[in-house]
N, C-alpha and C. Protein backbone atom coordinates (compact mmCIF):
# COMPACT_ATOMS: atom_id res chain seq x y z
N VAL A 1 0.95 -0.95 -0.08
CA VAL A 1 0.16 0.00 -0.32
C VAL A 1 0.56 1.28 0.24
N LEU A 2 2.22 1.12 0.93
CA LEU A 2 2.74 2.01 0.90
C LEU A 2 3.63 2.73 -0.59
N ASP A 3 3.76 1.38 -1.00
CA ASP A 3 4.45 1.69 -2.55
C ASP A 3 3.82 2.65 -3.41
N GLY A 4 2.25 2.15 -3.14
CA GLY A 4 1.31 2.68 -4.56
C GLY A 4 1.22 4.12 -4.10
N LEU A 5 1.07 4.39 -2.83
CA LEU A 5 0.87 5.66 -2.10
C LEU A 5 2.45 6.67 -2.82
N ALA A 6 3.31 6.12 -2.61
CA ALA A 6 4.50 6.60 -2.76
C ALA A 6 4.64 7.06 -4.48
N ASP A 7 4.47 5.80 -5.32
CA ASP A 7 4.07 5.96 -6.63
C ASP A 7 3.39 7.04 -6.93
N LEU A 8 2.14 7.24 -6.29
CA LEU A 8 1.14 8.32 -6.50
C LEU A 8 1.74 9.73 -6.22
N VAL A 9 2.47 9.80 -5.12
CA VAL A 9 3.09 11.07 -4.71
C VAL A 9 4.41 11.90 -5.22
N ALA A 10 5.32 10.04 -6.07
CA ALA A 10 6.00 11.02 -7.08
C ALA A 10 5.42 11.13 -8.27
N ALA A 11 4.53 10.90 -8.66
CA ALA A 11 3.78 11.06 -9.76
C ALA A 11 3.02 12.62 -9.51
N ASP A 12 2.42 12.49 -8.99
CA ASP A 12 1.80 14.23 -8.65
C ASP A 12 3.07 15.35 -8.29
N VAL A 13 4.03 15.29 -7.68
CA VAL A 13 5.21 15.58 -8.17
C VAL A 13 5.81 16.32 -9.22
N GLN A 14 6.08 15.19 -10.06
CA GLN A 14 6.52 15.12 -11.05
C GLN A 14 5.71 16.54 -11.97
N SER A 15 4.35 16.30 -11.73
CA SER A 15 3.46 16.46 -12.50
C SER A 15 3.26 18.12 -12.33
N ARG A 16 3.55 18.22 -10.75
CA ARG A 16 3.56 19.60 -10.55
C ARG A 16 4.51 19.99 -10.82
N ARG A 17 6.09 19.91 -10.61
CA ARG A 17 7.29 20.34 -11.29
C ARG A 17 7.00 20.99 -12.80
N GLN A 18 6.40 20.09 -13.81
CA GLN A 18 5.99 19.89 -15.20
C GLN A 18 5.53 21.43 -15.55
N VAL A 19 4.13 21.54 -14.58
CA VAL A 19 3.28 22.83 -14.71
C VAL A 19 4.00 23.85 -14.32
N GLU A 20 4.83 24.17 -13.27
CA GLU A 20 5.71 24.61 -12.71
C GLU A 20 7.07 25.68 -14.01
N ALA A 21 7.24 24.62 -14.35
CA ALA A 21 8.50 24.79 -15.69
C ALA A 21 7.73 25.33 -17.20
N GLU A 22 6.52 24.94 -16.88
CA GLU A 22 5.32 25.32 -18.12
C GLU A 22 5.19 26.93 -17.91
N ARG A 23 4.94 27.37 -16.91
CA ARG A 23 4.79 28.79 -16.31
C ARG A 23 6.12 29.33 -16.31
N GLN A 24 6.99 29.22 -16.21
CA GLN A 24 8.14 29.88 -16.12
C GLN A 24 8.40 30.24 -17.59
N GLY A 25 8.17 29.41 -18.50
CA GLY A 25 8.43 29.47 -19.64
C GLY A 25 7.70 30.43 -20.03
N ASN A 26 6.14 30.54 -20.10
CA ASN A 26 5.19 31.76 -20.08
C ASN A 26 5.86 32.64 -19.63
N ARG A 27 6.27 33.10 -18.50
CA ARG A 27 6.69 34.01 -18.01
C ARG A 27 7.99 35.06 -18.71
N SER A 28 8.64 33.85 -19.20
CA SER A 28 9.62 34.56 -19.79
C SER A 28 9.47 35.23 -21.12
N GLN A 29 8.50 34.48 -21.92
CA GLN A 29 7.83 34.95 -23.12
C GLN A 29 7.11 36.64 -22.75
N ALA A 30 6.44 36.37 -21.71
CA ALA A 30 5.89 37.69 -21.36
C ALA A 30 6.97 38.85 -21.04
N LYS A 31 8.10 38.62 -20.58
CA LYS A 31 8.95 39.54 -20.51
C LYS A 31 9.40 40.12 -21.67
N TRP A 32 9.48 39.26 -22.65
CA TRP A 32 10.10 39.70 -23.69
C TRP A 32 9.08 40.67 -24.60
N LEU A 33 7.68 39.82 -24.49
CA LEU A 33 6.55 40.66 -24.91
C LEU A 33 6.43 42.08 -24.36
N THR A 34 6.73 42.22 -23.43
CA THR A 34 6.70 43.65 -22.62
C THR A 34 7.56 44.75 -23.04
N ILE A 35 8.87 44.05 -23.48
CA ILE A 35 9.73 45.22 -24.61
C ILE A 35 9.48 45.10 -26.15
N LEU A 36 9.50 44.01 -26.40
CA LEU A 36 8.96 43.96 -28.17
C LEU A 36 7.72 44.60 -28.60
N VAL A 37 6.68 44.58 -28.11
CA VAL A 37 5.46 45.05 -28.47
C VAL A 37 5.61 46.32 -28.76
N PRO A 38 5.91 47.27 -27.04
CA PRO A 38 6.14 48.65 -27.35
C PRO A 38 7.60 49.15 -28.65
N ALA A 39 8.41 48.63 -28.62
CA ALA A 39 9.61 48.71 -29.67
C ALA A 39 8.73 48.67 -31.05
N ALA A 40 7.77 47.75 -31.41
CA ALA A 40 7.59 47.68 -32.37
C ALA A 40 6.10 48.33 -32.58
N PHE A 41 5.38 49.20 -31.90
CA PHE A 41 4.52 49.89 -31.64
C PHE A 41 5.41 51.16 -32.37
N LEU A 42 6.44 51.71 -31.73
CA LEU A 42 6.97 52.69 -32.07
C LEU A 42 7.66 52.89 -33.41
N GLY A 43 8.06 51.50 -33.95
CA GLY A 43 8.31 51.73 -35.20
C GLY A 43 7.32 51.45 -36.07
N PHE A 44 6.19 50.99 -35.62
CA PHE A 44 4.74 51.22 -36.82
C PHE A 44 4.79 52.97 -36.60
N ILE A 45 4.65 53.72 -35.75
CA ILE A 45 4.31 54.94 -35.97
C ILE A 45 5.40 55.72 -36.33
N LEU A 46 6.70 55.20 -36.69
CA LEU A 46 7.67 56.13 -37.03
C LEU A 46 7.53 55.67 -38.56
N MET A 47 7.20 54.31 -39.10
CA MET A 47 7.32 54.19 -40.50
C MET A 47 6.10 55.02 -40.93
N SER A 48 4.54 55.13 -40.30
CA SER A 48 3.53 55.52 -40.57
C SER A 48 3.77 56.97 -40.96
N GLY A 49 4.45 57.51 -39.78
CA GLY A 49 5.08 59.09 -40.51
C GLY A 49 6.06 59.31 -41.38
N LEU A 50 6.57 58.52 -41.61
CA LEU A 50 7.75 58.34 -42.77
C LEU A 50 7.07 58.47 -44.06
N GLY A 51 6.23 57.27 -43.89
CA GLY A 51 4.91 57.24 -45.16
C GLY A 51 4.15 58.32 -45.45
N THR A 52 3.60 59.01 -44.57
CA THR A 52 2.65 60.16 -44.85
C THR A 52 3.38 61.42 -45.28
N LEU A 53 5.02 61.47 -44.67
CA LEU A 53 5.83 62.75 -45.36
C LEU A 53 6.36 62.54 -46.95
N ILE A 54 6.54 61.12 -47.03
CA ILE A 54 6.59 60.45 -48.69
C ILE A 54 5.56 61.01 -49.39
N PHE A 55 4.12 60.57 -48.97
CA PHE A 55 2.84 60.84 -49.38
C PHE A 55 2.79 62.37 -49.97
N PHE A 56 2.85 63.23 -48.91
CA PHE A 56 3.10 64.89 -49.07
C PHE A 56 4.00 65.02 -50.03
N LEU A 57 4.83 64.78 -50.00
CA LEU A 57 6.47 65.36 -51.04
C LEU A 57 5.77 64.83 -52.62
N VAL A 58 5.14 63.49 -52.62
CA VAL A 58 5.08 62.74 -53.94
C VAL A 58 3.48 63.91 -54.27
N THR A 59 2.67 64.20 -53.76
CA THR A 59 1.58 64.84 -54.09
C THR A 59 1.76 66.23 -53.93
N GLY A 60 2.69 66.73 -53.50
CA GLY A 60 2.73 67.87 -53.51
C GLY A 60 1.88 68.72 -52.70
N GLY A 61 1.46 68.16 -51.62
CA GLY A 61 0.82 68.53 -50.58
C GLY A 61 -0.93 68.91 -50.70
N ARG A 62 -1.10 68.39 -52.08
CA ARG A 62 -2.46 68.49 -52.17
C ARG A 62 -3.29 67.77 -51.66
N VAL A 63 -3.16 66.71 -51.47
CA VAL A 63 -3.90 65.75 -50.86
C VAL A 63 -3.52 65.56 -49.39
N PRO A 64 -4.12 66.20 -48.43
CA PRO A 64 -4.16 65.98 -47.19
C PRO A 64 -4.47 64.31 -46.85
N SER A 65 -3.73 63.68 -46.07
CA SER A 65 -3.83 62.18 -45.68
C SER A 65 -3.02 62.20 -44.75
N TYR A 66 -3.22 61.30 -43.68
CA TYR A 66 -2.48 60.49 -43.02
C TYR A 66 -2.44 59.08 -42.98
N LEU A 67 -1.17 58.40 -43.31
CA LEU A 67 -1.14 56.94 -43.91
C LEU A 67 -0.87 56.57 -42.61
N GLY A 68 -1.33 55.82 -41.99
CA GLY A 68 -1.24 54.97 -40.79
C GLY A 68 -1.48 53.54 -40.69
N SER A 69 -1.10 52.63 -39.95
CA SER A 69 -1.31 51.30 -39.66
C SER A 69 -2.94 51.24 -39.35
N SER A 70 -3.84 50.07 -39.28
CA SER A 70 -5.31 50.06 -38.71
C SER A 70 -5.13 48.89 -37.78
N PHE A 71 -4.97 49.38 -36.17
CA PHE A 71 -5.02 48.60 -35.32
C PHE A 71 -6.66 48.22 -35.29
N ALA A 72 -7.37 48.36 -36.04
CA ALA A 72 -8.75 47.85 -36.05
C ALA A 72 -8.78 46.99 -36.66
N PHE A 73 -7.74 46.15 -37.46
CA PHE A 73 -7.75 44.60 -37.77
C PHE A 73 -7.27 43.87 -37.04
N ILE A 74 -6.57 44.10 -35.77
CA ILE A 74 -6.47 43.30 -34.82
C ILE A 74 -7.44 42.30 -34.16
N GLY A 75 -8.63 42.82 -33.81
CA GLY A 75 -9.59 41.91 -33.38
C GLY A 75 -10.36 41.31 -34.64
N VAL A 76 -10.60 41.89 -35.74
CA VAL A 76 -10.91 41.05 -36.72
C VAL A 76 -10.22 39.84 -37.42
N VAL A 77 -9.07 39.90 -37.05
CA VAL A 77 -7.85 38.96 -37.34
C VAL A 77 -7.89 37.70 -36.22
N ILE A 78 -8.28 38.48 -35.25
CA ILE A 78 -8.14 37.10 -34.25
C ILE A 78 -9.48 36.48 -33.93
N ALA A 79 -11.02 37.30 -34.42
CA ALA A 79 -12.05 36.47 -34.61
C ALA A 79 -12.62 35.61 -35.40
N ALA A 80 -11.42 36.23 -36.82
CA ALA A 80 -11.85 35.26 -38.22
C ALA A 80 -11.10 34.13 -38.21
N SER A 81 -9.99 34.42 -37.28
CA SER A 81 -8.97 33.09 -37.16
C SER A 81 -9.18 31.92 -36.20
N GLY A 82 -10.14 32.50 -35.10
CA GLY A 82 -10.44 31.64 -34.08
C GLY A 82 -8.75 31.37 -33.20
N TYR A 83 -8.38 32.34 -32.98
CA TYR A 83 -7.10 32.40 -32.44
C TYR A 83 -7.20 32.65 -31.01
N THR A 84 -6.75 31.58 -30.23
CA THR A 84 -7.18 31.65 -28.72
C THR A 84 -6.03 31.33 -27.65
N GLY A 85 -4.60 31.80 -28.15
CA GLY A 85 -3.43 31.57 -27.36
C GLY A 85 -2.20 31.54 -27.96
N PRO A 86 -1.28 31.43 -26.76
CA PRO A 86 0.27 31.82 -27.19
C PRO A 86 0.26 30.58 -28.37
N GLY A 87 1.89 31.31 -29.24
CA GLY A 87 2.13 30.34 -30.19
C GLY A 87 1.55 30.93 -31.44
N PRO A 88 2.42 30.18 -32.87
CA PRO A 88 1.74 30.84 -33.85
C PRO A 88 0.32 30.63 -34.34
N ASN A 89 -0.29 31.38 -35.05
CA ASN A 89 -1.77 31.47 -35.24
C ASN A 89 -1.77 30.49 -36.71
N ALA A 90 -2.37 29.37 -36.69
CA ALA A 90 -2.37 28.45 -37.39
C ALA A 90 -3.27 28.34 -38.33
N ASN A 91 -4.40 29.95 -38.53
CA ASN A 91 -5.50 29.95 -39.46
C ASN A 91 -5.05 31.48 -40.10
N MET A 92 -3.54 31.57 -39.88
CA MET A 92 -3.49 33.20 -40.28
C MET A 92 -4.17 33.37 -41.88
N ALA A 93 -3.92 31.93 -42.82
CA ALA A 93 -3.90 32.52 -43.91
C ALA A 93 -5.77 32.83 -44.42
N VAL A 94 -6.30 32.65 -43.13
CA VAL A 94 -8.09 33.12 -43.30
C VAL A 94 -7.87 34.58 -43.40
N ALA A 95 -7.25 35.05 -42.07
CA ALA A 95 -7.23 36.02 -41.68
C ALA A 95 -6.54 37.14 -42.69
N LEU A 96 -5.50 37.11 -43.18
CA LEU A 96 -4.74 37.32 -44.55
C LEU A 96 -5.59 37.46 -45.69
N GLY A 97 -6.53 36.29 -45.91
CA GLY A 97 -7.46 36.46 -47.11
C GLY A 97 -8.14 37.90 -47.13
N GLY A 98 -8.61 37.81 -45.89
CA GLY A 98 -9.67 39.14 -45.56
C GLY A 98 -9.03 40.33 -45.63
N ILE A 99 -8.08 40.70 -45.21
CA ILE A 99 -6.73 41.66 -45.43
C ILE A 99 -6.76 42.00 -46.85
N ILE A 100 -6.46 41.16 -47.32
CA ILE A 100 -5.98 41.56 -48.70
C ILE A 100 -7.48 41.68 -49.48
N ALA A 101 -8.30 41.09 -49.41
CA ALA A 101 -9.92 41.52 -49.77
C ALA A 101 -10.39 42.77 -49.14
N CYS A 102 -9.89 43.26 -47.83
CA CYS A 102 -10.35 44.90 -47.91
C CYS A 102 -9.34 45.69 -48.83
N GLY A 103 -8.00 45.54 -49.08
CA GLY A 103 -6.99 46.04 -49.59
C GLY A 103 -7.80 46.35 -51.17
N LEU A 104 -8.30 45.13 -51.74
CA LEU A 104 -8.52 45.26 -52.96
C LEU A 104 -9.90 46.06 -53.11
N VAL A 105 -11.00 46.39 -52.20
CA VAL A 105 -12.01 47.03 -52.02
C VAL A 105 -11.24 48.41 -51.65
N TYR A 106 -10.27 49.00 -50.92
CA TYR A 106 -9.75 50.10 -50.96
C TYR A 106 -9.34 50.21 -52.37
N THR A 107 -8.71 49.54 -53.01
CA THR A 107 -8.13 49.93 -54.38
C THR A 107 -9.39 50.33 -54.90
N LEU A 108 -10.19 49.50 -55.26
CA LEU A 108 -11.66 49.81 -56.19
C LEU A 108 -12.50 51.29 -55.81
N ILE A 109 -12.48 51.44 -54.56
CA ILE A 109 -13.12 52.73 -54.65
C ILE A 109 -12.15 53.78 -54.48
N GLY A 110 -11.05 53.95 -54.71
CA GLY A 110 -9.80 54.73 -54.93
C GLY A 110 -9.98 54.86 -56.43
N ALA A 111 -10.33 54.17 -57.27
CA ALA A 111 -10.32 53.78 -58.60
C ALA A 111 -11.73 54.57 -59.02
N ILE A 112 -12.80 54.40 -58.31
CA ILE A 112 -14.09 54.94 -58.43
C ILE A 112 -13.72 56.72 -58.62
N VAL A 113 -12.88 56.80 -57.00
CA VAL A 113 -13.01 58.49 -56.89
C VAL A 113 -12.42 59.09 -57.62
N GLN A 114 -11.01 58.42 -58.50
CA GLN A 114 -10.38 58.85 -59.36
C GLN A 114 -11.35 59.34 -60.63
N ALA A 115 -11.83 58.12 -61.08
CA ALA A 115 -12.71 58.16 -62.45
C ALA A 115 -13.87 59.20 -62.19
N VAL A 116 -14.61 59.12 -60.86
CA VAL A 116 -15.76 59.85 -60.90
C VAL A 116 -15.87 61.35 -60.48
N GLY A 117 -14.81 61.33 -59.48
CA GLY A 117 -14.66 62.55 -57.81
C GLY A 117 -15.23 62.06 -57.15
N THR A 118 -15.39 63.31 -56.03
CA THR A 118 -15.36 63.21 -54.78
C THR A 118 -17.06 63.44 -54.52
N GLY A 119 -17.69 64.15 -55.15
CA GLY A 119 -19.31 64.38 -55.16
C GLY A 119 -20.19 63.58 -54.70
N TRP A 120 -20.31 62.19 -55.08
CA TRP A 120 -20.89 61.25 -54.49
C TRP A 120 -20.79 60.73 -53.24
N ILE A 121 -19.13 60.90 -52.83
CA ILE A 121 -18.87 60.74 -51.18
C ILE A 121 -19.67 61.84 -50.30
N GLU A 122 -19.50 63.01 -50.60
CA GLU A 122 -20.11 63.99 -50.09
C GLU A 122 -21.58 63.89 -50.07
N ARG A 123 -22.30 63.79 -50.85
CA ARG A 123 -23.55 62.98 -50.84
C ARG A 123 -24.05 61.98 -49.82
N CYS A 124 -23.30 60.80 -49.50
CA CYS A 124 -23.25 59.90 -49.12
C CYS A 124 -22.96 60.30 -47.40
N MET A 125 -22.08 60.97 -47.44
CA MET A 125 -21.66 61.03 -45.83
C MET A 125 -21.01 62.51 -45.76
N PRO A 126 -22.27 63.29 -45.83
CA PRO A 126 -21.70 65.25 -45.68
C PRO A 126 -20.98 65.02 -44.27
N PRO A 127 -20.51 66.50 -44.69
CA PRO A 127 -19.75 66.82 -43.61
C PRO A 127 -20.48 67.16 -42.05
């Protein structure tokens, strides 16, 4: 009886050690994320600003626009791909397909505005 109990206790201790080791790994990842995410955000903002300045130079300042990254896509990507946790997103292709479709719609709208003008936008969405 005592041998069986000792085996159960040893298995429980091993299981708890494994869980604690996994937690330590997750903490290590979280530490890196607290450094990388703000750095990436600053990089996005910097590139957004540079892109806007280049846009102004190319258009001669005639078209006021801000070229920024849209963080609005983050929630949609998570919902569309069903992402639930750490590690790579296995369904990223689904989300990327949706982002590409949005880019195509934006391009189509841009082509319509180029061809027809902006009057229809002002009728649909007055200031």
